[in-house]
C-alpha atoms as a PDB file:
ATOM      1  CA  UNK A   1      22.370 -11.466  10.382  1.00  0.00           C
ATOM      2  CA  UNK A   2      21.361  -7.919   9.604  1.00  0.00           C
ATOM      3  CA  UNK A   3      17.768  -7.006  10.296  1.00  0.00           C
ATOM      4  CA  UNK A   4      15.695  -5.953   7.273  1.00  0.00           C
ATOM      5  CA  UNK A   5      15.012  -2.269   6.809  1.00  0.00           C
ATOM      6  CA  UNK A   6      11.498  -1.243   5.784  1.00  0.00           C
ATOM      7  CA  UNK A   7      10.018   2.163   4.981  1.00  0.00           C
ATOM      8  CA  UNK A   8       6.478   3.451   4.674  1.00  0.00           C
ATOM      9  CA  UNK A   9       6.147   6.475   2.395  1.00  0.00           C
ATOM     10  CA  UNK A  10       2.971   8.565   2.398  1.00  0.00           C
ATOM     11  CA  UNK A  11       2.628  10.298  -0.960  1.00  0.00           C
ATOM     12  CA  UNK A  12       1.363  13.900  -1.079  1.00  0.00           C
ATOM     13  CA  UNK A  13      -2.177  15.033  -1.811  1.00  0.00           C
ATOM     14  CA  UNK A  14      -2.960  16.309  -5.311  1.00  0.00           C
ATOM     15  CA  UNK A  15      -3.520  19.860  -4.085  1.00  0.00           C
ATOM     16  CA  UNK A  16      -0.029  19.861  -2.524  1.00  0.00           C
ATOM     17  CA  UNK A  17       1.483  18.942  -5.879  1.00  0.00           C
ATOM     18  CA  UNK A  18      -0.449  21.695  -7.655  1.00  0.00           C
ATOM     19  CA  UNK A  19       0.268  24.478  -5.156  1.00  0.00           C
ATOM     20  CA  UNK A  20       3.986  23.781  -4.732  1.00  0.00           C
ATOM     21  CA  UNK A  21       5.696  22.329  -7.795  1.00  0.00           C
ATOM     22  CA  UNK A  22       8.790  21.414  -5.782  1.00  0.00           C
ATOM     23  CA  UNK A  23       6.651  18.856  -3.901  1.00  0.00           C
ATOM     24  CA  UNK A  24       6.962  16.456  -6.835  1.00  0.00           C
ATOM     25  CA  UNK A  25      10.737  16.914  -6.935  1.00  0.00           C
ATOM     26  CA  UNK A  26      11.032  16.315  -3.174  1.00  0.00           C
ATOM     27  CA  UNK A  27       8.833  13.211  -3.405  1.00  0.00           C
ATOM     28  CA  UNK A  28      10.867  11.743  -6.262  1.00  0.00           C
ATOM     29  CA  UNK A  29      14.098  12.429  -4.376  1.00  0.00           C
ATOM     30  CA  UNK A  30      12.694  10.715  -1.284  1.00  0.00           C
ATOM     31  CA  UNK A  31      11.470   7.683  -3.262  1.00  0.00           C
ATOM     32  CA  UNK A  32      14.803   7.216  -5.005  1.00  0.00           C
ATOM     33  CA  UNK A  33      16.774   7.608  -1.787  1.00  0.00           C
ATOM     34  CA  UNK A  34      14.796   5.040   0.200  1.00  0.00           C
ATOM     35  CA  UNK A  35      14.693   2.603  -2.729  1.00  0.00           C
ATOM     36  CA  UNK A  36      18.495   2.508  -2.732  1.00  0.00           C
ATOM     37  CA  UNK A  37      18.772   1.537   0.939  1.00  0.00           C
ATOM     38  CA  UNK A  38      15.518  -0.120   2.087  1.00  0.00           C
ATOM     39  CA  UNK A  39      14.629  -3.785   1.674  1.00  0.00           C
ATOM     40  CA  UNK A  40      11.009  -2.830   0.995  1.00  0.00           C
ATOM     41  CA  UNK A  41       8.967   0.358   0.767  1.00  0.00           C
ATOM     42  CA  UNK A  42       5.270   0.451   1.570  1.00  0.00           C
ATOM     43  CA  UNK A  43       3.628   3.066  -0.653  1.00  0.00           C
ATOM     44  CA  UNK A  44       0.574   4.912   0.631  1.00  0.00           C
ATOM     45  CA  UNK A  45      -1.374   7.306  -1.576  1.00  0.00           C
ATOM     46  CA  UNK A  46      -3.027   9.794   0.777  1.00  0.00           C
ATOM     47  CA  UNK A  47      -5.375  10.897  -2.003  1.00  0.00           C
ATOM     48  CA  UNK A  48      -7.078   7.470  -2.061  1.00  0.00           C
ATOM     49  CA  UNK A  49      -8.341   7.927   1.482  1.00  0.00           C
ATOM     50  CA  UNK A  50      -9.351  11.589   1.229  1.00  0.00           C
ATOM     51  CA  UNK A  51     -13.001  12.412   1.970  1.00  0.00           C
ATOM     52  CA  UNK A  52     -14.426  15.748   0.901  1.00  0.00           C
ATOM     53  CA  UNK A  53     -17.090  15.774   3.616  1.00  0.00           C
ATOM     54  CA  UNK A  54     -14.534  15.762   6.458  1.00  0.00           C
ATOM     55  CA  UNK A  55     -12.349  18.503   7.903  1.00  0.00           C
ATOM     56  CA  UNK A  56      -8.585  18.410   7.417  1.00  0.00           C
ATOM     57  CA  UNK A  57      -8.058  17.206  10.977  1.00  0.00           C
ATOM     58  CA  UNK A  58     -10.682  14.457  10.691  1.00  0.00           C
ATOM     59  CA  UNK A  59      -9.320  13.436   7.300  1.00  0.00           C
ATOM     60  CA  UNK A  60      -5.807  13.023   8.667  1.00  0.00           C
ATOM     61  CA  UNK A  61      -7.103  10.972  11.597  1.00  0.00           C
ATOM     62  CA  UNK A  62      -9.091   8.712   9.243  1.00  0.00           C
ATOM     63  CA  UNK A  63      -6.156   8.351   6.877  1.00  0.00           C
ATOM     64  CA  UNK A  64      -3.808   7.374   9.706  1.00  0.00           C
ATOM     65  CA  UNK A  65      -6.325   4.771  10.894  1.00  0.00           C
ATOM     66  CA  UNK A  66      -6.673   3.334   7.373  1.00  0.00           C
ATOM     67  CA  UNK A  67      -2.899   3.143   6.972  1.00  0.00           C
ATOM     68  CA  UNK A  68      -2.187   1.231  10.194  1.00  0.00           C
ATOM     69  CA  UNK A  69      -5.284  -1.017  10.294  1.00  0.00           C
ATOM     70  CA  UNK A  70      -3.948  -3.700   7.894  1.00  0.00           C
ATOM     71  CA  UNK A  71      -0.813  -4.209   9.985  1.00  0.00           C
ATOM     72  CA  UNK A  72      -2.545  -5.250  13.222  1.00  0.00           C
ATOM     73  CA  UNK A  73      -3.540  -8.837  12.394  1.00  0.00           C
ATOM     74  CA  UNK A  74      -0.397  -9.308  10.339  1.00  0.00           C
ATOM     75  CA  UNK A  75       1.921  -8.449  13.227  1.00  0.00           C
ATOM     76  CA  UNK A  76      -0.128 -10.260  15.888  1.00  0.00           C
ATOM     77  CA  UNK A  77      -0.699 -13.591  14.126  1.00  0.00           C
ATOM     78  CA  UNK A  78       2.835 -14.933  14.539  1.00  0.00           C
ATOM     79  CA  UNK A  79       3.182 -13.733  18.138  1.00  0.00           C
ATOM     80  CA  UNK A  80       0.078 -15.354  19.632  1.00  0.00           C
ATOM     81  CA  UNK A  81       0.541 -17.442  22.784  1.00  0.00           C
ATOM     82  CA  UNK A  82      -3.033 -18.611  23.421  1.00  0.00           C
ATOM     83  CA  UNK A  83      -3.671 -21.924  21.603  1.00  0.00           C
ATOM     84  CA  UNK A  84      -7.184 -20.932  20.502  1.00  0.00           C
ATOM     85  CA  UNK A  85      -5.751 -17.964  18.579  1.00  0.00           C
ATOM     86  CA  UNK A  86      -2.984 -19.913  16.833  1.00  0.00           C
ATOM     87  CA  UNK A  87      -3.835 -20.736  13.234  1.00  0.00           C
ATOM     88  CA  UNK A  88      -3.371 -24.000  11.386  1.00  0.00           C
ATOM     89  CA  UNK A  89      -1.005 -22.195   9.030  1.00  0.00           C
ATOM     90  CA  UNK A  90       0.842 -19.465  10.894  1.00  0.00           C
ATOM     91  CA  UNK A  91       2.280 -16.384   9.242  1.00  0.00           C
ATOM     92  CA  UNK A  92       5.362 -15.364  11.194  1.00  0.00           C
ATOM     93  CA  UNK A  93       8.211 -12.886  10.767  1.00  0.00           C
ATOM     94  CA  UNK A  94      10.010 -15.247   8.395  1.00  0.00           C
ATOM     95  CA  UNK A  95       7.069 -15.318   5.978  1.00  0.00           C
ATOM     96  CA  UNK A  96       6.786 -11.540   6.075  1.00  0.00           C
ATOM     97  CA  UNK A  97      10.520 -11.064   5.469  1.00  0.00           C
ATOM     98  CA  UNK A  98      10.419 -13.506   2.540  1.00  0.00           C
ATOM     99  CA  UNK A  99       7.498 -11.587   1.035  1.00  0.00           C
ATOM    100  CA  UNK A 100       8.643  -7.981   1.383  1.00  0.00           C
ATOM    101  CA  UNK A 101      10.915  -6.669  -1.349  1.00  0.00           C
ATOM    102  CA  UNK A 102      11.068  -3.363  -3.223  1.00  0.00           C
ATOM    103  CA  UNK A 103       7.897  -1.410  -3.951  1.00  0.00           C
ATOM    104  CA  UNK A 104       5.070  -2.777  -1.820  1.00  0.00           C
ATOM    105  CA  UNK A 105       1.370  -2.100  -1.202  1.00  0.00           C
ATOM    106  CA  UNK A 106      -0.963  -3.333   1.506  1.00  0.00           C
ATOM    107  CA  UNK A 107      -4.738  -3.689   1.679  1.00  0.00           C
ATOM    108  CA  UNK A 108      -7.420  -4.773   4.107  1.00  0.00           C
ATOM    109  CA  UNK A 109     -10.922  -6.102   3.531  1.00  0.00           C
ATOM    110  CA  UNK A 110     -13.723  -7.068   5.874  1.00  0.00           C
ATOM    111  CA  UNK A 111     -17.011  -8.941   5.500  1.00  0.00           C
ATOM    112  CA  UNK A 112     -19.534  -9.099   8.327  1.00  0.00           C
ATOM    113  CA  UNK A 113     -20.646 -12.548   9.465  1.00  0.00           C
ATOM    114  CA  UNK A 114     -24.351 -13.027  10.313  1.00  0.00           C
ATOM    115  CA  UNK A 115     -25.018 -13.610  13.991  1.00  0.00           C
ATOM    116  CA  UNK A 116     -27.722 -16.164  13.197  1.00  0.00           C
ATOM    117  CA  UNK A 117     -26.738 -19.381  11.463  1.00  0.00           C
ATOM    118  CA  UNK A 118     -28.583 -21.884   9.343  1.00  0.00           C
ATOM    119  CA  UNK A 119     -30.267 -24.478  11.585  1.00  0.00           C
ATOM    120  CA  UNK A 120     -28.008 -27.334  10.476  1.00  0.00           C
ATOM    121  CA  UNK A 121     -24.711 -25.677  11.380  1.00  0.00           C
ATOM    122  CA  UNK A 122     -21.596 -25.253   9.286  1.00  0.00           C
ATOM    123  CA  UNK A 123     -22.138 -28.557   7.485  1.00  0.00           C
ATOM    124  CA  UNK A 124     -25.016 -26.987   5.619  1.00  0.00           C
ATOM    125  CA  UNK A 125     -24.102 -26.469   1.950  1.00  0.00           C
ATOM    126  CA  UNK A 126     -25.737 -23.040   1.733  1.00  0.00           C
ATOM    127  CA  UNK A 127     -23.826 -21.813   4.759  1.00  0.00           C
ATOM    128  CA  UNK A 128     -20.486 -23.015   3.411  1.00  0.00           C
ATOM    129  CA  UNK A 129     -21.212 -21.306   0.117  1.00  0.00           C
ATOM    130  CA  UNK A 130     -22.086 -18.091   1.941  1.00  0.00           C
ATOM    131  CA  UNK A 131     -18.833 -18.266   3.937  1.00  0.00           C
ATOM    132  CA  UNK A 132     -16.809 -18.705   0.764  1.00  0.00           C
ATOM    133  CA  UNK A 133     -18.551 -15.737  -0.836  1.00  0.00           C
ATOM    134  CA  UNK A 134     -17.775 -13.647   2.254  1.00  0.00           C
ATOM    135  CA  UNK A 135     -14.108 -14.585   1.935  1.00  0.00           C
ATOM    136  CA  UNK A 136     -13.936 -13.571  -1.710  1.00  0.00           C
ATOM    137  CA  UNK A 137     -15.813 -10.366  -0.870  1.00  0.00           C
ATOM    138  CA  UNK A 138     -13.208  -9.496   1.786  1.00  0.00           C
ATOM    139  CA  UNK A 139     -10.371 -10.250  -0.640  1.00  0.00           C
ATOM    140  CA  UNK A 140     -11.936  -8.066  -3.336  1.00  0.00           C
ATOM    141  CA  UNK A 141     -12.296  -5.240  -0.821  1.00  0.00           C
ATOM    142  CA  UNK A 142      -8.638  -5.615   0.163  1.00  0.00           C
ATOM    143  CA  UNK A 143      -7.604  -5.418  -3.491  1.00  0.00           C
ATOM    144  CA  UNK A 144      -9.773  -2.385  -4.252  1.00  0.00           C
ATOM    145  CA  UNK A 145      -8.514  -0.675  -1.086  1.00  0.00           C
ATOM    146  CA  UNK A 146      -4.789  -1.201  -1.665  1.00  0.00           C
ATOM    147  CA  UNK A 147      -2.674   1.621  -0.265  1.00  0.00           C
ATOM    148  CA  UNK A 148      -1.670   2.579  -3.814  1.00  0.00           C
ATOM    149  CA  UNK A 149      -3.482   1.809  -7.039  1.00  0.00           C
ATOM    150  CA  UNK A 150      -1.471  -0.726  -9.012  1.00  0.00           C
ATOM    151  CA  UNK A 151      -1.741  -3.741 -11.277  1.00  0.00           C
ATOM    152  CA  UNK A 152      -1.584  -6.933  -9.145  1.00  0.00           C
ATOM    153  CA  UNK A 153      -0.074  -8.816 -12.080  1.00  0.00           C
ATOM    154  CA  UNK A 154       3.049  -6.653 -11.620  1.00  0.00           C
ATOM    155  CA  UNK A 155       3.707  -8.228  -8.202  1.00  0.00           C
ATOM    156  CA  UNK A 156       6.349 -10.937  -7.891  1.00  0.00           C
ATOM    157  CA  UNK A 157       5.437 -11.731  -4.294  1.00  0.00           C
ATOM    158  CA  UNK A 158       2.173 -11.727  -2.363  1.00  0.00           C
ATOM    159  CA  UNK A 159       0.866 -12.651   1.049  1.00  0.00           C
ATOM    160  CA  UNK A 160      -2.625 -12.847   2.494  1.00  0.00           C
ATOM    161  CA  UNK A 161      -3.862 -13.508   6.000  1.00  0.00           C
ATOM    162  CA  UNK A 162      -7.387 -14.683   6.740  1.00  0.00           C
ATOM    163  CA  UNK A 163      -8.759 -13.771  10.156  1.00  0.00           C
ATOM    164  CA  UNK A 164     -12.147 -15.064  11.343  1.00  0.00           C
ATOM    165  CA  UNK A 165     -13.800 -17.105  14.108  1.00  0.00           C
ATOM    166  CA  UNK A 166     -12.411 -20.686  14.095  1.00  0.00           C
ATOM    167  CA  UNK A 167     -15.778 -22.215  13.177  1.00  0.00           C
ATOM    168  CA  UNK A 168     -15.948 -20.024  10.067  1.00  0.00           C
ATOM    169  CA  UNK A 169     -12.677 -21.286   8.602  1.00  0.00           C
ATOM    170  CA  UNK A 170     -12.524 -24.274   6.286  1.00  0.00           C
ATOM    171  CA  UNK A 171     -10.292 -25.453   3.455  1.00  0.00           C
ATOM    172  CA  UNK A 172     -12.729 -24.510   0.693  1.00  0.00           C
ATOM    173  CA  UNK A 173     -12.811 -20.931   2.005  1.00  0.00           C
ATOM    174  CA  UNK A 174      -9.014 -20.645   2.147  1.00  0.00           C
ATOM    175  CA  UNK A 175      -8.597 -22.262  -1.270  1.00  0.00           C
ATOM    176  CA  UNK A 176     -11.201 -19.995  -2.868  1.00  0.00           C
ATOM    177  CA  UNK A 177      -9.525 -16.864  -1.500  1.00  0.00           C
ATOM    178  CA  UNK A 178      -6.135 -18.071  -2.732  1.00  0.00           C
ATOM    179  CA  UNK A 179      -7.548 -18.891  -6.157  1.00  0.00           C
ATOM    180  CA  UNK A 180      -9.167 -15.471  -6.516  1.00  0.00           C
ATOM    181  CA  UNK A 181      -5.829 -13.813  -5.712  1.00  0.00           C
ATOM    182  CA  UNK A 182      -3.869 -16.048  -8.095  1.00  0.00           C
ATOM    183  CA  UNK A 183      -6.209 -15.057 -10.927  1.00  0.00           C
ATOM    184  CA  UNK A 184      -5.011 -11.444 -10.714  1.00  0.00           C
ATOM    185  CA  UNK A 185      -1.514 -11.778  -9.192  1.00  0.00           C
ATOM    186  CA  UNK A 186      -0.516 -14.266 -11.849  1.00  0.00           C
ATOM    187  CA  UNK A 187       3.258 -13.795 -11.534  1.00  0.00           C
ATOM    188  CA  UNK A 188       3.471 -13.795  -7.737  1.00  0.00           C
ATOM    189  CA  UNK A 189       4.754 -16.359  -5.288  1.00  0.00           C
ATOM    190  CA  UNK A 190       1.871 -16.383  -2.801  1.00  0.00           C
ATOM    191  CA  UNK A 191       2.167 -17.076   0.919  1.00  0.00           C
ATOM    192  CA  UNK A 192      -0.870 -17.409   3.138  1.00  0.00           C
ATOM    193  CA  UNK A 193      -1.997 -18.068   6.671  1.00  0.00           C
ATOM    194  CA  UNK A 194      -4.964 -18.018   9.018  1.00  0.00           C
ATOM    195  CA  UNK A 195      -5.522 -16.238  12.312  1.00  0.00           C
ATOM    196  CA  UNK A 196      -8.545 -17.432  14.335  1.00  0.00           C
ATOM    197  CA  UNK A 197     -10.202 -14.670  16.348  1.00  0.00           C
ATOM    198  CA  UNK A 198     -13.512 -14.365  18.188  1.00  0.00           C
ATOM    199  CA  UNK A 199     -15.340 -11.647  16.280  1.00  0.00           C
ATOM    200  CA  UNK A 200     -18.271 -11.172  13.934  1.00  0.00           C
ATOM    201  CA  UNK A 201     -16.308 -10.501  10.773  1.00  0.00           C
ATOM    202  CA  UNK A 202     -14.091 -12.202   8.252  1.00  0.00           C
ATOM    203  CA  UNK A 203     -10.982 -10.121   7.526  1.00  0.00           C
ATOM    204  CA  UNK A 204      -8.338 -10.388   4.836  1.00  0.00           C
ATOM    205  CA  UNK A 205      -4.984  -8.622   4.981  1.00  0.00           C
ATOM    206  CA  UNK A 206      -3.192  -8.520   1.637  1.00  0.00           C
ATOM    207  CA  UNK A 207       0.358  -7.574   0.655  1.00  0.00           C
ATOM    208  CA  UNK A 208       1.614  -7.255  -2.911  1.00  0.00           C
ATOM    209  CA  UNK A 209       5.370  -6.816  -3.115  1.00  0.00           C
ATOM    210  CA  UNK A 210       8.292  -6.609  -5.536  1.00  0.00           C
ATOM    211  CA  UNK A 211       6.104  -4.623  -7.909  1.00  0.00           C
ATOM    212  CA  UNK A 212       8.002  -4.294 -11.170  1.00  0.00           C
ATOM    213  CA  UNK A 213       6.066  -1.397 -12.643  1.00  0.00           C
ATOM    214  CA  UNK A 214       4.534   1.206 -10.340  1.00  0.00           C
ATOM    215  CA  UNK A 215       2.939   3.876 -12.510  1.00  0.00           C
ATOM    216  CA  UNK A 216       2.674   6.438  -9.719  1.00  0.00           C
ATOM    217  CA  UNK A 217       6.372   6.173  -8.878  1.00  0.00           C
ATOM    218  CA  UNK A 218       7.425   6.436 -12.520  1.00  0.00           C
ATOM    219  CA  UNK A 219       5.163   9.470 -12.868  1.00  0.00           C
ATOM    220  CA  UNK A 220       6.976  11.190  -9.995  1.00  0.00           C
ATOM    221  CA  UNK A 221      10.370  10.404 -11.517  1.00  0.00           C
ATOM    222  CA  UNK A 222       9.317  11.679 -14.950  1.00  0.00           C
ATOM    223  CA  UNK A 223       7.823  14.879 -13.558  1.00  0.00           C
ATOM    224  CA  UNK A 224      10.905  15.453 -11.397  1.00  0.00           C
ATOM    225  CA  UNK A 225      13.169  15.195 -14.456  1.00  0.00           C
ATOM    226  CA  UNK A 226      10.992  17.731 -16.286  1.00  0.00           C
ATOM    227  CA  UNK A 227      11.091  20.002 -13.227  1.00  0.00           C
ATOM    228  CA  UNK A 228      14.899  19.846 -13.075  1.00  0.00           C
ATOM    229  CA  UNK A 229      15.167  20.581 -16.797  1.00  0.00           C
ATOM    230  CA  UNK A 230      12.771  23.537 -16.579  1.00  0.00           C
ATOM    231  CA  UNK A 231      14.524  24.862 -13.471  1.00  0.00           C
ATOM    232  CA  UNK A 232      17.916  24.775 -15.212  1.00  0.00           C
ATOM    233  CA  UNK A 233      16.522  26.604 -18.233  1.00  0.00           C
ATOM    234  CA  UNK A 234      14.995  29.288 -16.032  1.00  0.00           C
ATOM    235  CA  UNK A 235      18.239  29.677 -14.102  1.00  0.00           C
ATOM    236  CA  UNK A 236      20.303  29.894 -17.292  1.00  0.00           C
ATOM    237  CA  UNK A 237      17.852  32.471 -18.623  1.00  0.00           C
ATOM    238  CA  UNK A 238      18.222  34.580 -15.491  1.00  0.00           C
ATOM    239  CA  UNK A 239      22.015  34.356 -15.672  1.00  0.00           C
ATOM    240  CA  UNK A 240      21.922  35.455 -19.308  1.00  0.00           C
ATOM    241  CA  UNK A 241      19.672  38.402 -18.443  1.00  0.00           C
ATOM    242  CA  UNK A 242      21.997  39.443 -15.617  1.00  0.00           C
ATOM    243  CA  UNK A 243      25.027  39.241 -17.897  1.00  0.00           C
ATOM    244  CA  UNK A 244      23.203  41.339 -20.475  1.00  0.00           C
ATOM    245  CA  UNK A 245      22.409  44.049 -17.924  1.00  0.00           C
ATOM    246  CA  UNK A 246      26.016  44.089 -16.662  1.00  0.00           C
ATOM    247  CA  UNK A 247      27.410  44.423 -20.208  1.00  0.00           C
ATOM    248  CA  UNK A 248      24.996  47.238 -21.013  1.00  0.00           C
ATOM    249  CA  UNK A 249      25.802  48.930 -17.712  1.00  0.00           C
ATOM    250  CA  UNK A 250      29.501  49.065 -18.605  1.00  0.00           C
ATOM    251  CA  UNK A 251      28.703  50.874 -21.873  1.00  0.00           C
ATOM    252  CA  UNK A 252      26.858  53.691 -20.106  1.00  0.00           C
ATOM    253  CA  UNK A 253      29.212  56.610 -19.464  1.00  0.00           C
ATOM    254  CA  UNK A 254      29.620  57.739 -15.885  1.00  0.00           C
ATOM    255  CA  UNK A 255      29.431  61.335 -14.679  1.00  0.00           C
ATOM    256  CA  UNK A 256      31.983  60.614 -11.968  1.00  0.00           C
END
């Protein structure tokens, strides 16, 4: 079988669109072209990660780090060989392929886990409640930090991966995270998995795919159409002016 073909498109900064109007046209052309051939396109809005207090070089480094960070756990979870890092519900390549389709966004959220526990261990009700709240917090952060601002209810497919120390994972935590996602991605088929890791944080990787209405993309297409129309009018105006000069030139008598 043919392997799926995925693209990741980084959209231009606002100042690039303002300085060079053709940037919008080029972006729209790129988006249309990849949409016609790719199985899924990850959309990344550079402007969402821009920080005014950093230099251009530092900004680009930070943006690149933000873009690739969500993919790490996602790509590692299904390839683990050590039993202690293999989840109860594994997300593998098949799950990812079944999720990715059309316009796609990705997000990543993290909640720090306290180093000191309640004295009665994970069976303590307060601790379980705190863990669940941490999970929802990480999911909310993943949603607010999606690579492109969108409406989750426009997604037809979704996937989330929970990564945390094994002792922090329980069914109520996983169910609560899934429920919080279903409340906003109401039309999506949701796949999920867990990835146990030894660290002091609870991480959630989130994918929303097959988005049926991406405002940013439609904005580029609309602006590109206006650009083409305006360009044609300007070109026709120049041609008319040139014809007018040539006609007038022929009427001027020559001394030769």
